[in-house]
PDB file of N, CA and C in Angstrom:
ATOM      1  N   MET A   1     -11.867 -45.143 144.720  1.00  0.00           N
ATOM      2  CA  MET A   1     -10.534 -45.387 144.219  1.00  0.00           C
ATOM      3  C   MET A   1     -10.160 -44.272 143.230  1.00  0.00           C
ATOM      4  N   ARG A   2      -8.935 -43.826 143.298  1.00  0.00           N
ATOM      5  CA  ARG A   2      -8.452 -42.733 142.456  1.00  0.00           C
ATOM      6  C   ARG A   2      -8.593 -43.067 140.975  1.00  0.00           C
ATOM      7  N   TRP A   3      -8.318 -44.309 140.591  1.00  0.00           N
ATOM      8  CA  TRP A   3      -8.432 -44.749 139.201  1.00  0.00           C
ATOM      9  C   TRP A   3      -9.814 -44.401 138.641  1.00  0.00           C
ATOM     10  N   GLN A   4     -10.840 -44.771 139.368  1.00  0.00           N
ATOM     11  CA  GLN A   4     -12.204 -44.540 138.884  1.00  0.00           C
ATOM     12  C   GLN A   4     -12.561 -43.056 138.873  1.00  0.00           C
ATOM     13  N   ARG A   5     -12.073 -42.290 139.825  1.00  0.00           N
ATOM     14  CA  ARG A   5     -12.363 -40.852 139.869  1.00  0.00           C
ATOM     15  C   ARG A   5     -11.758 -40.103 138.679  1.00  0.00           C
ATOM     16  N   LEU A   6     -10.689 -40.620 138.110  1.00  0.00           N
ATOM     17  CA  LEU A   6     -10.009 -39.953 137.002  1.00  0.00           C
ATOM     18  C   LEU A   6     -10.533 -40.376 135.631  1.00  0.00           C
ATOM     19  N   ARG A   7     -11.550 -41.205 135.573  1.00  0.00           N
ATOM     20  CA  ARG A   7     -12.066 -41.707 134.288  1.00  0.00           C
ATOM     21  C   ARG A   7     -12.492 -40.567 133.373  1.00  0.00           C
ATOM     22  N   ASP A   8     -13.330 -39.676 133.838  1.00  0.00           N
ATOM     23  CA  ASP A   8     -13.813 -38.584 132.992  1.00  0.00           C
ATOM     24  C   ASP A   8     -12.671 -37.685 132.527  1.00  0.00           C
ATOM     25  N   GLN A   9     -11.734 -37.410 133.405  1.00  0.00           N
ATOM     26  CA  GLN A   9     -10.606 -36.559 133.044  1.00  0.00           C
ATOM     27  C   GLN A   9      -9.747 -37.208 131.963  1.00  0.00           C
ATOM     28  N   SER A  10      -9.605 -38.524 131.988  1.00  0.00           N
ATOM     29  CA  SER A  10      -8.776 -39.216 130.995  1.00  0.00           C
ATOM     30  C   SER A  10      -9.359 -39.129 129.595  1.00  0.00           C
ATOM     31  N   GLN A  11     -10.641 -38.812 129.474  1.00  0.00           N
ATOM     32  CA  GLN A  11     -11.309 -38.742 128.181  1.00  0.00           C
ATOM     33  C   GLN A  11     -11.320 -37.340 127.570  1.00  0.00           C
ATOM     34  N   LEU A  12     -10.815 -36.354 128.282  1.00  0.00           N
ATOM     35  CA  LEU A  12     -10.809 -34.981 127.774  1.00  0.00           C
ATOM     36  C   LEU A  12      -9.888 -34.845 126.564  1.00  0.00           C
ATOM     37  N   ASN A  13     -10.034 -33.756 125.835  1.00  0.00           N
ATOM     38  CA  ASN A  13      -9.234 -33.510 124.643  1.00  0.00           C
ATOM     39  C   ASN A  13      -7.745 -33.377 124.964  1.00  0.00           C
ATOM     40  N   ASP A  14      -7.399 -32.741 126.060  1.00  0.00           N
ATOM     41  CA  ASP A  14      -5.998 -32.537 126.437  1.00  0.00           C
ATOM     42  C   ASP A  14      -5.818 -32.868 127.918  1.00  0.00           C
ATOM     43  N   PRO A  15      -5.940 -34.152 128.271  1.00  0.00           N
ATOM     44  CA  PRO A  15      -5.983 -34.510 129.683  1.00  0.00           C
ATOM     45  C   PRO A  15      -4.642 -34.660 130.375  1.00  0.00           C
ATOM     46  N   GLY A  16      -3.556 -34.777 129.626  1.00  0.00           N
ATOM     47  CA  GLY A  16      -2.317 -35.194 130.246  1.00  0.00           C
ATOM     48  C   GLY A  16      -2.378 -36.705 130.476  1.00  0.00           C
ATOM     49  N   CYS A  17      -1.413 -37.229 131.146  1.00  0.00           N
ATOM     50  CA  CYS A  17      -1.337 -38.684 131.374  1.00  0.00           C
ATOM     51  C   CYS A  17      -1.867 -39.001 132.776  1.00  0.00           C
ATOM     52  N   VAL A  18      -3.166 -38.820 132.966  1.00  0.00           N
ATOM     53  CA  VAL A  18      -3.737 -38.820 134.304  1.00  0.00           C
ATOM     54  C   VAL A  18      -3.737 -40.185 134.990  1.00  0.00           C
ATOM     55  N   ARG A  19      -3.801 -41.273 134.234  1.00  0.00           N
ATOM     56  CA  ARG A  19      -3.803 -42.596 134.855  1.00  0.00           C
ATOM     57  C   ARG A  19      -2.605 -43.446 134.428  1.00  0.00           C
ATOM     58  N   GLY A  20      -1.644 -42.834 133.763  1.00  0.00           N
ATOM     59  CA  GLY A  20      -0.506 -43.576 133.229  1.00  0.00           C
ATOM     60  C   GLY A  20       0.323 -44.294 134.273  1.00  0.00           C
ATOM     61  N   GLY A  21       0.678 -43.594 135.343  1.00  0.00           N
ATOM     62  CA  GLY A  21       1.499 -44.216 136.386  1.00  0.00           C
ATOM     63  C   GLY A  21       0.812 -45.402 137.043  1.00  0.00           C
ATOM     64  N   MET A  22      -0.474 -45.244 137.279  1.00  0.00           N
ATOM     65  CA  MET A  22      -1.229 -46.347 137.883  1.00  0.00           C
ATOM     66  C   MET A  22      -1.295 -47.524 136.923  1.00  0.00           C
ATOM     67  N   ALA A  23      -1.493 -47.249 135.629  1.00  0.00           N
ATOM     68  CA  ALA A  23      -1.575 -48.319 134.635  1.00  0.00           C
ATOM     69  C   ALA A  23      -0.248 -49.062 134.527  1.00  0.00           C
ATOM     70  N   LEU A  24       0.859 -48.336 134.523  1.00  0.00           N
ATOM     71  CA  LEU A  24       2.171 -48.990 134.471  1.00  0.00           C
ATOM     72  C   LEU A  24       2.392 -49.886 135.676  1.00  0.00           C
ATOM     73  N   ALA A  25       1.974 -49.419 136.838  1.00  0.00           N
ATOM     74  CA  ALA A  25       2.109 -50.239 138.039  1.00  0.00           C
ATOM     75  C   ALA A  25       1.280 -51.520 137.937  1.00  0.00           C
ATOM     76  N   LEU A  26       0.063 -51.408 137.408  1.00  0.00           N
ATOM     77  CA  LEU A  26      -0.776 -52.598 137.239  1.00  0.00           C
ATOM     78  C   LEU A  26      -0.139 -53.585 136.267  1.00  0.00           C
ATOM     79  N   ALA A  27       0.438 -53.074 135.189  1.00  0.00           N
ATOM     80  CA  ALA A  27       1.060 -53.947 134.195  1.00  0.00           C
ATOM     81  C   ALA A  27       2.362 -54.559 134.715  1.00  0.00           C
ATOM     82  N   ARG A  28       3.178 -53.769 135.375  1.00  0.00           N
ATOM     83  CA  ARG A  28       4.491 -54.250 135.838  1.00  0.00           C
ATOM     84  C   ARG A  28       4.396 -55.235 136.988  1.00  0.00           C
ATOM     85  N   THR A  29       3.418 -55.054 137.846  1.00  0.00           N
ATOM     86  CA  THR A  29       3.302 -55.932 139.006  1.00  0.00           C
ATOM     87  C   THR A  29       2.456 -57.163 138.728  1.00  0.00           C
ATOM     88  N   ASP A  30       1.902 -57.243 137.531  1.00  0.00           N
ATOM     89  CA  ASP A  30       1.051 -58.376 137.155  1.00  0.00           C
ATOM     90  C   ASP A  30      -0.163 -58.479 138.079  1.00  0.00           C
ATOM     91  N   ALA A  31      -0.647 -57.330 138.555  1.00  0.00           N
ATOM     92  CA  ALA A  31      -1.755 -57.286 139.509  1.00  0.00           C
ATOM     93  C   ALA A  31      -3.072 -57.780 138.933  1.00  0.00           C
ATOM     94  N   MET A  32      -3.188 -57.821 137.621  1.00  0.00           N
ATOM     95  CA  MET A  32      -4.431 -58.247 136.994  1.00  0.00           C
ATOM     96  C   MET A  32      -4.463 -59.747 136.688  1.00  0.00           C
ATOM     97  N   SER A  33      -3.328 -60.418 136.844  1.00  0.00           N
ATOM     98  CA  SER A  33      -3.313 -61.839 136.485  1.00  0.00           C
ATOM     99  C   SER A  33      -4.207 -62.638 137.428  1.00  0.00           C
ATOM    100  N   ARG A  34      -4.835 -63.618 136.852  1.00  0.00           N
ATOM    101  CA  ARG A  34      -5.729 -64.554 137.562  1.00  0.00           C
ATOM    102  C   ARG A  34      -6.987 -63.887 138.123  1.00  0.00           C
ATOM    103  N   ARG A  35      -7.325 -62.727 137.638  1.00  0.00           N
ATOM    104  CA  ARG A  35      -8.578 -62.072 138.038  1.00  0.00           C
ATOM    105  C   ARG A  35      -9.629 -62.321 136.969  1.00  0.00           C
ATOM    106  N   THR A  36     -10.831 -62.549 137.398  1.00  0.00           N
ATOM    107  CA  THR A  36     -11.915 -62.718 136.448  1.00  0.00           C
ATOM    108  C   THR A  36     -12.311 -61.363 135.877  1.00  0.00           C
ATOM    109  N   ARG A  37     -13.109 -61.381 134.833  1.00  0.00           N
ATOM    110  CA  ARG A  37     -13.609 -60.137 134.237  1.00  0.00           C
ATOM    111  C   ARG A  37     -14.367 -59.325 135.294  1.00  0.00           C
ATOM    112  N   ALA A  38     -15.196 -60.002 136.069  1.00  0.00           N
ATOM    113  CA  ALA A  38     -15.973 -59.317 137.111  1.00  0.00           C
ATOM    114  C   ALA A  38     -15.059 -58.680 138.159  1.00  0.00           C
ATOM    115  N   GLU A  39     -13.976 -59.331 138.514  1.00  0.00           N
ATOM    116  CA  GLU A  39     -13.048 -58.777 139.500  1.00  0.00           C
ATOM    117  C   GLU A  39     -12.321 -57.551 138.947  1.00  0.00           C
ATOM    118  N   VAL A  40     -11.946 -57.598 137.662  1.00  0.00           N
ATOM    119  CA  VAL A  40     -11.288 -56.447 137.040  1.00  0.00           C
ATOM    120  C   VAL A  40     -12.242 -55.261 137.040  1.00  0.00           C
ATOM    121  N   ILE A  41     -13.490 -55.498 136.658  1.00  0.00           N
ATOM    122  CA  ILE A  41     -14.471 -54.408 136.615  1.00  0.00           C
ATOM    123  C   ILE A  41     -14.775 -53.887 138.021  1.00  0.00           C
ATOM    124  N   ALA A  42     -14.806 -54.752 139.007  1.00  0.00           N
ATOM    125  CA  ALA A  42     -15.016 -54.300 140.386  1.00  0.00           C
ATOM    126  C   ALA A  42     -13.869 -53.405 140.847  1.00  0.00           C
ATOM    127  N   LEU A  43     -12.664 -53.705 140.410  1.00  0.00           N
ATOM    128  CA  LEU A  43     -11.490 -52.938 140.811  1.00  0.00           C
ATOM    129  C   LEU A  43     -11.340 -51.642 140.010  1.00  0.00           C
ATOM    130  N   LEU A  44     -11.502 -51.720 138.676  1.00  0.00           N
ATOM    131  CA  LEU A  44     -11.224 -50.581 137.808  1.00  0.00           C
ATOM    132  C   LEU A  44     -12.468 -49.862 137.300  1.00  0.00           C
ATOM    133  N   GLY A  45     -13.636 -50.431 137.518  1.00  0.00           N
ATOM    134  CA  GLY A  45     -14.858 -49.853 136.986  1.00  0.00           C
ATOM    135  C   GLY A  45     -15.141 -50.387 135.592  1.00  0.00           C
ATOM    136  N   ALA A  46     -16.221 -49.921 135.009  1.00  0.00           N
ATOM    137  CA  ALA A  46     -16.596 -50.359 133.664  1.00  0.00           C
ATOM    138  C   ALA A  46     -15.533 -49.900 132.664  1.00  0.00           C
ATOM    139  N   PRO A  47     -15.176 -50.742 131.708  1.00  0.00           N
ATOM    140  CA  PRO A  47     -14.183 -50.333 130.711  1.00  0.00           C
ATOM    141  C   PRO A  47     -14.756 -49.284 129.770  1.00  0.00           C
ATOM    142  N   ASP A  48     -13.873 -48.483 129.187  1.00  0.00           N
ATOM    143  CA  ASP A  48     -14.294 -47.502 128.193  1.00  0.00           C
ATOM    144  C   ASP A  48     -14.699 -48.205 126.906  1.00  0.00           C
ATOM    145  N   GLU A  49     -14.042 -49.285 126.613  1.00  0.00           N
ATOM    146  CA  GLU A  49     -14.349 -50.137 125.475  1.00  0.00           C
ATOM    147  C   GLU A  49     -14.011 -51.553 125.888  1.00  0.00           C
ATOM    148  N   GLY A  50     -14.615 -52.489 125.231  1.00  0.00           N
ATOM    149  CA  GLY A  50     -14.196 -53.845 125.502  1.00  0.00           C
ATOM    150  C   GLY A  50     -15.282 -54.859 125.295  1.00  0.00           C
ATOM    151  N   ALA A  51     -14.818 -56.033 125.011  1.00  0.00           N
ATOM    152  CA  ALA A  51     -15.702 -57.165 124.818  1.00  0.00           C
ATOM    153  C   ALA A  51     -15.364 -58.197 125.880  1.00  0.00           C
ATOM    154  N   THR A  52     -15.719 -59.392 125.627  1.00  0.00           N
ATOM    155  CA  THR A  52     -15.515 -60.448 126.602  1.00  0.00           C
ATOM    156  C   THR A  52     -14.046 -60.689 126.917  1.00  0.00           C
ATOM    157  N   GLU A  53     -13.187 -60.671 125.893  1.00  0.00           N
ATOM    158  CA  GLU A  53     -11.793 -61.044 126.113  1.00  0.00           C
ATOM    159  C   GLU A  53     -10.821 -59.877 126.251  1.00  0.00           C
ATOM    160  N   THR A  54     -11.230 -58.662 125.907  1.00  0.00           N
ATOM    161  CA  THR A  54     -10.336 -57.509 125.989  1.00  0.00           C
ATOM    162  C   THR A  54     -11.081 -56.316 126.578  1.00  0.00           C
ATOM    163  N   LEU A  55     -10.524 -55.739 127.636  1.00  0.00           N
ATOM    164  CA  LEU A  55     -11.095 -54.551 128.273  1.00  0.00           C
ATOM    165  C   LEU A  55     -10.110 -53.409 128.076  1.00  0.00           C
ATOM    166  N   ARG A  56     -10.608 -52.236 127.698  1.00  0.00           N
ATOM    167  CA  ARG A  56      -9.751 -51.083 127.421  1.00  0.00           C
ATOM    168  C   ARG A  56     -10.164 -49.905 128.310  1.00  0.00           C
ATOM    169  N   TYR A  57      -9.149 -49.329 128.986  1.00  0.00           N
ATOM    170  CA  TYR A  57      -9.362 -48.200 129.891  1.00  0.00           C
ATOM    171  C   TYR A  57      -8.494 -47.025 129.450  1.00  0.00           C
ATOM    172  N   GLY A  58      -9.108 -45.867 129.237  1.00  0.00           N
ATOM    173  CA  GLY A  58      -8.367 -44.673 128.834  1.00  0.00           C
ATOM    174  C   GLY A  58      -7.427 -44.187 129.922  1.00  0.00           C
ATOM    175  N   LEU A  59      -6.254 -43.702 129.495  1.00  0.00           N
ATOM    176  CA  LEU A  59      -5.238 -43.213 130.430  1.00  0.00           C
ATOM    177  C   LEU A  59      -4.963 -41.732 130.287  1.00  0.00           C
ATOM    178  N   GLY A  60      -5.336 -41.161 129.162  1.00  0.00           N
ATOM    179  CA  GLY A  60      -4.953 -39.801 128.840  1.00  0.00           C
ATOM    180  C   GLY A  60      -3.858 -39.838 127.791  1.00  0.00           C
ATOM    181  N   GLN A  61      -3.153 -38.743 127.610  1.00  0.00           N
ATOM    182  CA  GLN A  61      -2.104 -38.649 126.597  1.00  0.00           C
ATOM    183  C   GLN A  61      -0.757 -38.968 127.226  1.00  0.00           C
ATOM    184  N   CYS A  62      -0.366 -40.214 127.136  1.00  0.00           N
ATOM    185  CA  CYS A  62       0.846 -40.673 127.813  1.00  0.00           C
ATOM    186  C   CYS A  62       2.025 -40.876 126.877  1.00  0.00           C
ATOM    187  N   HIS A  63       1.846 -40.588 125.599  1.00  0.00           N
ATOM    188  CA  HIS A  63       2.938 -40.694 124.644  1.00  0.00           C
ATOM    189  C   HIS A  63       3.244 -39.305 124.099  1.00  0.00           C
ATOM    190  N   GLY A  64       4.409 -39.104 123.569  1.00  0.00           N
ATOM    191  CA  GLY A  64       4.858 -37.782 123.176  1.00  0.00           C
ATOM    192  C   GLY A  64       4.195 -37.175 121.948  1.00  0.00           C
ATOM    193  N   ASP A  65       3.332 -37.897 121.279  1.00  0.00           N
ATOM    194  CA  ASP A  65       2.756 -37.384 120.042  1.00  0.00           C
ATOM    195  C   ASP A  65       1.281 -37.019 120.185  1.00  0.00           C
ATOM    196  N   TRP A  66       0.821 -36.737 121.376  1.00  0.00           N
ATOM    197  CA  TRP A  66      -0.531 -36.258 121.671  1.00  0.00           C
ATOM    198  C   TRP A  66      -1.627 -37.308 121.448  1.00  0.00           C
ATOM    199  N   ARG A  67      -1.261 -38.532 121.239  1.00  0.00           N
ATOM    200  CA  ARG A  67      -2.282 -39.570 121.100  1.00  0.00           C
ATOM    201  C   ARG A  67      -2.642 -40.118 122.475  1.00  0.00           C
ATOM    202  N   HIS A  68      -3.858 -40.547 122.594  1.00  0.00           N
ATOM    203  CA  HIS A  68      -4.311 -41.122 123.850  1.00  0.00           C
ATOM    204  C   HIS A  68      -3.747 -42.529 124.021  1.00  0.00           C
ATOM    205  N   SER A  69      -3.572 -42.911 125.255  1.00  0.00           N
ATOM    206  CA  SER A  69      -3.079 -44.237 125.595  1.00  0.00           C
ATOM    207  C   SER A  69      -4.168 -44.998 126.331  1.00  0.00           C
ATOM    208  N   VAL A  70      -4.045 -46.310 126.360  1.00  0.00           N
ATOM    209  CA  VAL A  70      -5.028 -47.146 127.027  1.00  0.00           C
ATOM    210  C   VAL A  70      -4.338 -48.265 127.803  1.00  0.00           C
ATOM    211  N   LEU A  71      -4.987 -48.677 128.882  1.00  0.00           N
ATOM    212  CA  LEU A  71      -4.613 -49.909 129.567  1.00  0.00           C
ATOM    213  C   LEU A  71      -5.480 -50.986 128.934  1.00  0.00           C
ATOM    214  N   VAL A  72      -4.843 -52.018 128.392  1.00  0.00           N
ATOM    215  CA  VAL A  72      -5.561 -53.116 127.767  1.00  0.00           C
ATOM    216  C   VAL A  72      -5.397 -54.342 128.658  1.00  0.00           C
ATOM    217  N   VAL A  73      -6.526 -54.867 129.104  1.00  0.00           N
ATOM    218  CA  VAL A  73      -6.530 -56.062 129.949  1.00  0.00           C
ATOM    219  C   VAL A  73      -7.089 -57.197 129.096  1.00  0.00           C
ATOM    220  N   ARG A  74      -6.224 -58.145 128.775  1.00  0.00           N
ATOM    221  CA  ARG A  74      -6.627 -59.274 127.930  1.00  0.00           C
ATOM    222  C   ARG A  74      -6.873 -60.501 128.792  1.00  0.00           C
ATOM    223  N   ARG A  75      -7.918 -61.213 128.441  1.00  0.00           N
ATOM    224  CA  ARG A  75      -8.296 -62.418 129.192  1.00  0.00           C
ATOM    225  C   ARG A  75      -8.068 -63.649 128.345  1.00  0.00           C
ATOM    226  N   THR A  76      -7.763 -64.733 129.001  1.00  0.00           N
ATOM    227  CA  THR A  76      -7.637 -66.008 128.315  1.00  0.00           C
ATOM    228  C   THR A  76      -9.025 -66.544 128.011  1.00  0.00           C
ATOM    229  N   PRO A  77      -9.127 -67.485 127.083  1.00  0.00           N
ATOM    230  CA  PRO A  77     -10.445 -68.071 126.793  1.00  0.00           C
ATOM    231  C   PRO A  77     -11.120 -68.668 128.021  1.00  0.00           C
ATOM    232  N   GLY A  78     -10.354 -69.113 128.992  1.00  0.00           N
ATOM    233  CA  GLY A  78     -10.917 -69.685 130.206  1.00  0.00           C
ATOM    234  C   GLY A  78     -11.484 -68.656 131.162  1.00  0.00           C
ATOM    235  N   GLY A  79     -11.181 -67.379 130.925  1.00  0.00           N
ATOM    236  CA  GLY A  79     -11.781 -66.342 131.739  1.00  0.00           C
ATOM    237  C   GLY A  79     -10.839 -65.569 132.621  1.00  0.00           C
ATOM    238  N   ASP A  80      -9.673 -66.108 132.950  1.00  0.00           N
ATOM    239  CA  ASP A  80      -8.737 -65.368 133.788  1.00  0.00           C
ATOM    240  C   ASP A  80      -7.951 -64.382 132.934  1.00  0.00           C
ATOM    241  N   VAL A  81      -7.500 -63.304 133.544  1.00  0.00           N
ATOM    242  CA  VAL A  81      -6.701 -62.309 132.827  1.00  0.00           C
ATOM    243  C   VAL A  81      -5.334 -62.895 132.516  1.00  0.00           C
ATOM    244  N   SER A  82      -4.882 -62.709 131.311  1.00  0.00           N
ATOM    245  CA  SER A  82      -3.556 -63.204 130.960  1.00  0.00           C
ATOM    246  C   SER A  82      -2.502 -62.131 131.123  1.00  0.00           C
ATOM    247  N   ARG A  83      -2.874 -60.862 130.807  1.00  0.00           N
ATOM    248  CA  ARG A  83      -1.912 -59.779 130.994  1.00  0.00           C
ATOM    249  C   ARG A  83      -2.587 -58.427 130.823  1.00  0.00           C
ATOM    250  N   ALA A  84      -1.905 -57.414 131.341  1.00  0.00           N
ATOM    251  CA  ALA A  84      -2.338 -56.033 131.187  1.00  0.00           C
ATOM    252  C   ALA A  84      -1.173 -55.268 130.588  1.00  0.00           C
ATOM    253  N   THR A  85      -1.442 -54.453 129.562  1.00  0.00           N
ATOM    254  CA  THR A  85      -0.396 -53.690 128.904  1.00  0.00           C
ATOM    255  C   THR A  85      -0.871 -52.265 128.665  1.00  0.00           C
ATOM    256  N   VAL A  86       0.083 -51.357 128.554  1.00  0.00           N
ATOM    257  CA  VAL A  86      -0.201 -49.966 128.201  1.00  0.00           C
ATOM    258  C   VAL A  86       0.121 -49.830 126.723  1.00  0.00           C
ATOM    259  N   GLU A  87      -0.856 -49.302 125.947  1.00  0.00           N
ATOM    260  CA  GLU A  87      -0.706 -49.197 124.504  1.00  0.00           C
ATOM    261  C   GLU A  87      -1.205 -47.841 124.021  1.00  0.00           C
ATOM    262  N   VAL A  88      -0.783 -47.465 122.820  1.00  0.00           N
ATOM    263  CA  VAL A  88      -1.298 -46.261 122.179  1.00  0.00           C
ATOM    264  C   VAL A  88      -2.669 -46.597 121.606  1.00  0.00           C
ATOM    265  N   ASP A  89      -3.623 -45.713 121.821  1.00  0.00           N
ATOM    266  CA  ASP A  89      -4.986 -45.956 121.341  1.00  0.00           C
ATOM    267  C   ASP A  89      -5.072 -45.775 119.844  1.00  0.00           C
TER     268      ASP A  89
END
């Protein structure tokens, strides 16, 4: 999957917004809702950061001020994903 192939590039010092479009599509289409943590990891790979309830995936520099952005996948206490959002890291 292209998402997983771009992981290393998203972590570079000046990567551009290499996974931004894909992350926006995941957030806008609600594609992560009702997926378990294991299903999210199977689809997107291991998170760059994250605990049981929040998984964070680097996107590159998707905001105008050179800061890195992340896709944040938050899970409900019951285990299903409640939402995915794009945020500044």
